[in-house]
Amino acid sequence: MEDARCCGTGTCIINADGECWCGQRWNGTHMCFPDTLLGKTTDDNAKTAGAALGDDHS
């Protein structure tokens, strides 16, 4: 039985906590790499990306 949360590779093995063997995690919508590995929150990442693009929406 294929897990509906699979990222599309067909190789996902997702545990009860929503963590895949590859390091991605189910966020409730899709599989993604957790921002906590980088020590940043999603808001911090959005601000950093915006600053790199010249947006200053702090």
N, C-alpha and C. Protein backbone atom coordinates (compact mmCIF):
# COMPACT_ATOMS: atom_id res chain seq x y z
N MET A 1 0.84 -1.19 0.00
CA MET A 1 0.00 0.00 0.00
C MET A 1 0.88 1.25 0.00
N GLU A 2 0.65 2.11 -0.95
CA GLU A 2 1.44 3.33 -1.08
C GLU A 2 0.92 4.41 -0.13
N ASP A 3 1.86 5.11 0.52
CA ASP A 3 1.50 6.19 1.45
C ASP A 3 1.20 7.45 0.65
N ALA A 4 0.04 8.04 0.87
CA ALA A 4 -0.38 9.25 0.15
C ALA A 4 0.54 10.44 0.42
N ARG A 5 1.34 10.36 1.48
CA ARG A 5 2.27 11.45 1.82
C ARG A 5 3.59 11.37 1.07
N CYS A 6 3.79 10.33 0.28
CA CYS A 6 5.04 10.15 -0.45
C CYS A 6 5.34 11.38 -1.31
N CYS A 7 6.62 11.76 -1.37
CA CYS A 7 7.03 12.96 -2.11
C CYS A 7 6.99 12.77 -3.62
N GLY A 8 6.74 11.53 -4.06
CA GLY A 8 6.66 11.27 -5.50
C GLY A 8 7.74 10.35 -6.01
N THR A 9 8.75 10.06 -5.19
CA THR A 9 9.82 9.17 -5.63
C THR A 9 9.41 7.71 -5.58
N GLY A 10 8.41 7.40 -4.76
CA GLY A 10 8.01 6.02 -4.57
C GLY A 10 8.89 5.27 -3.61
N THR A 11 9.81 5.96 -2.94
CA THR A 11 10.74 5.31 -2.02
C THR A 11 10.53 5.75 -0.57
N CYS A 12 9.50 6.52 -0.30
CA CYS A 12 9.27 7.03 1.05
C CYS A 12 8.91 5.92 2.02
N ILE A 13 9.52 5.96 3.18
CA ILE A 13 9.15 5.13 4.31
C ILE A 13 8.93 6.10 5.45
N ILE A 14 7.66 6.38 5.75
CA ILE A 14 7.29 7.43 6.70
C ILE A 14 6.80 6.80 7.99
N ASN A 15 7.41 7.22 9.11
CA ASN A 15 7.03 6.65 10.41
C ASN A 15 5.80 7.36 10.97
N ALA A 16 5.38 6.96 12.16
CA ALA A 16 4.18 7.50 12.79
C ALA A 16 4.30 8.99 13.11
N ASP A 17 5.53 9.51 13.23
CA ASP A 17 5.75 10.93 13.50
C ASP A 17 5.80 11.76 12.23
N GLY A 18 5.62 11.13 11.06
CA GLY A 18 5.65 11.85 9.79
C GLY A 18 7.04 12.08 9.25
N GLU A 19 8.03 11.35 9.78
CA GLU A 19 9.42 11.51 9.34
C GLU A 19 9.77 10.41 8.35
N CYS A 20 10.38 10.81 7.24
CA CYS A 20 10.82 9.87 6.22
C CYS A 20 12.29 9.51 6.47
N TRP A 21 12.72 8.38 5.93
CA TRP A 21 14.11 7.95 6.08
C TRP A 21 15.09 8.95 5.47
N CYS A 22 14.64 9.76 4.50
CA CYS A 22 15.53 10.69 3.80
C CYS A 22 15.72 12.01 4.55
N GLY A 23 14.95 12.20 5.64
CA GLY A 23 15.09 13.43 6.41
C GLY A 23 13.94 14.40 6.24
N GLN A 24 13.09 14.16 5.24
CA GLN A 24 11.93 15.02 5.07
C GLN A 24 10.87 14.69 6.11
N ARG A 25 9.98 15.62 6.33
CA ARG A 25 8.93 15.46 7.33
C ARG A 25 7.61 15.96 6.77
N TRP A 26 6.53 15.29 7.13
CA TRP A 26 5.18 15.68 6.72
C TRP A 26 4.79 16.91 7.52
N ASN A 27 4.43 18.01 6.84
CA ASN A 27 4.06 19.24 7.54
C ASN A 27 2.55 19.45 7.59
N GLY A 28 1.80 18.43 7.20
CA GLY A 28 0.34 18.55 7.18
C GLY A 28 -0.20 18.78 5.79
N THR A 29 0.67 19.22 4.88
CA THR A 29 0.29 19.48 3.50
C THR A 29 1.14 18.68 2.53
N HIS A 30 2.45 18.68 2.76
CA HIS A 30 3.37 17.97 1.87
C HIS A 30 4.66 17.62 2.62
N MET A 31 5.50 16.83 1.98
CA MET A 31 6.80 16.47 2.56
C MET A 31 7.78 17.60 2.31
N CYS A 32 8.57 17.95 3.32
CA CYS A 32 9.58 18.99 3.17
C CYS A 32 10.68 18.77 4.19
N PHE A 33 11.82 19.40 3.96
CA PHE A 33 12.90 19.32 4.92
C PHE A 33 12.61 20.31 6.04
N PRO A 34 12.72 19.87 7.30
CA PRO A 34 12.40 20.76 8.42
C PRO A 34 13.38 21.92 8.52
N ASP A 35 12.84 23.12 8.74
CA ASP A 35 13.68 24.31 8.90
C ASP A 35 14.49 24.25 10.18
N THR A 36 14.07 23.44 11.15
CA THR A 36 14.79 23.37 12.41
C THR A 36 16.19 22.81 12.23
N LEU A 37 16.44 22.09 11.14
CA LEU A 37 17.79 21.62 10.87
C LEU A 37 18.74 22.78 10.63
N LEU A 38 18.19 23.90 10.17
CA LEU A 38 19.00 25.08 9.89
C LEU A 38 18.99 26.06 11.07
N GLY A 39 18.21 25.76 12.10
CA GLY A 39 18.13 26.64 13.26
C GLY A 39 17.31 27.89 13.00
N LYS A 40 16.44 27.85 12.00
CA LYS A 40 15.62 29.01 11.66
C LYS A 40 14.16 28.61 11.64
N THR A 41 13.31 29.56 11.88
CA THR A 41 11.88 29.32 11.74
C THR A 41 11.46 29.66 10.32
N THR A 42 10.27 29.29 9.95
CA THR A 42 9.76 29.61 8.62
C THR A 42 9.72 31.11 8.40
N ASP A 43 9.33 31.89 9.44
CA ASP A 43 9.30 33.35 9.31
C ASP A 43 10.69 33.91 9.06
N ASP A 44 11.70 33.39 9.77
CA ASP A 44 13.08 33.85 9.56
C ASP A 44 13.52 33.58 8.13
N ASN A 45 13.17 32.39 7.61
CA ASN A 45 13.55 32.05 6.24
C ASN A 45 12.87 32.97 5.24
N ALA A 46 11.62 33.31 5.46
CA ALA A 46 10.90 34.20 4.54
C ALA A 46 11.55 35.59 4.54
N LYS A 47 11.95 36.08 5.70
CA LYS A 47 12.59 37.40 5.77
C LYS A 47 13.95 37.37 5.07
N THR A 48 14.70 36.29 5.28
CA THR A 48 16.01 36.16 4.64
C THR A 48 15.87 36.11 3.14
N ALA A 49 14.92 35.33 2.64
CA ALA A 49 14.70 35.23 1.20
C ALA A 49 14.24 36.57 0.64
N GLY A 50 13.36 37.27 1.35
CA GLY A 50 12.88 38.57 0.90
C GLY A 50 14.00 39.59 0.84
N ALA A 51 14.89 39.58 1.83
CA ALA A 51 16.01 40.51 1.85
C ALA A 51 16.94 40.25 0.67
N ALA A 52 17.13 38.98 0.34
CA ALA A 52 18.00 38.63 -0.78
C ALA A 52 17.42 39.10 -2.10
N LEU A 53 16.10 39.22 -2.16
CA LEU A 53 15.43 39.67 -3.38
C LEU A 53 15.19 41.16 -3.39
N GLY A 54 15.62 41.85 -2.33
CA GLY A 54 15.44 43.29 -2.27
C GLY A 54 14.16 43.73 -1.61
N ASP A 55 13.39 42.80 -1.08
CA ASP A 55 12.16 43.13 -0.38
C ASP A 55 12.49 43.43 1.08
N ASP A 56 11.94 44.46 1.63
CA ASP A 56 12.13 44.76 3.04
C ASP A 56 10.78 44.86 3.71
N HIS A 57 10.22 43.72 4.03
CA HIS A 57 8.89 43.66 4.64
C HIS A 57 9.00 43.19 6.07
N SER A 58 10.01 43.63 6.78
CA SER A 58 10.25 43.18 8.16
C SER A 58 9.15 43.61 9.08
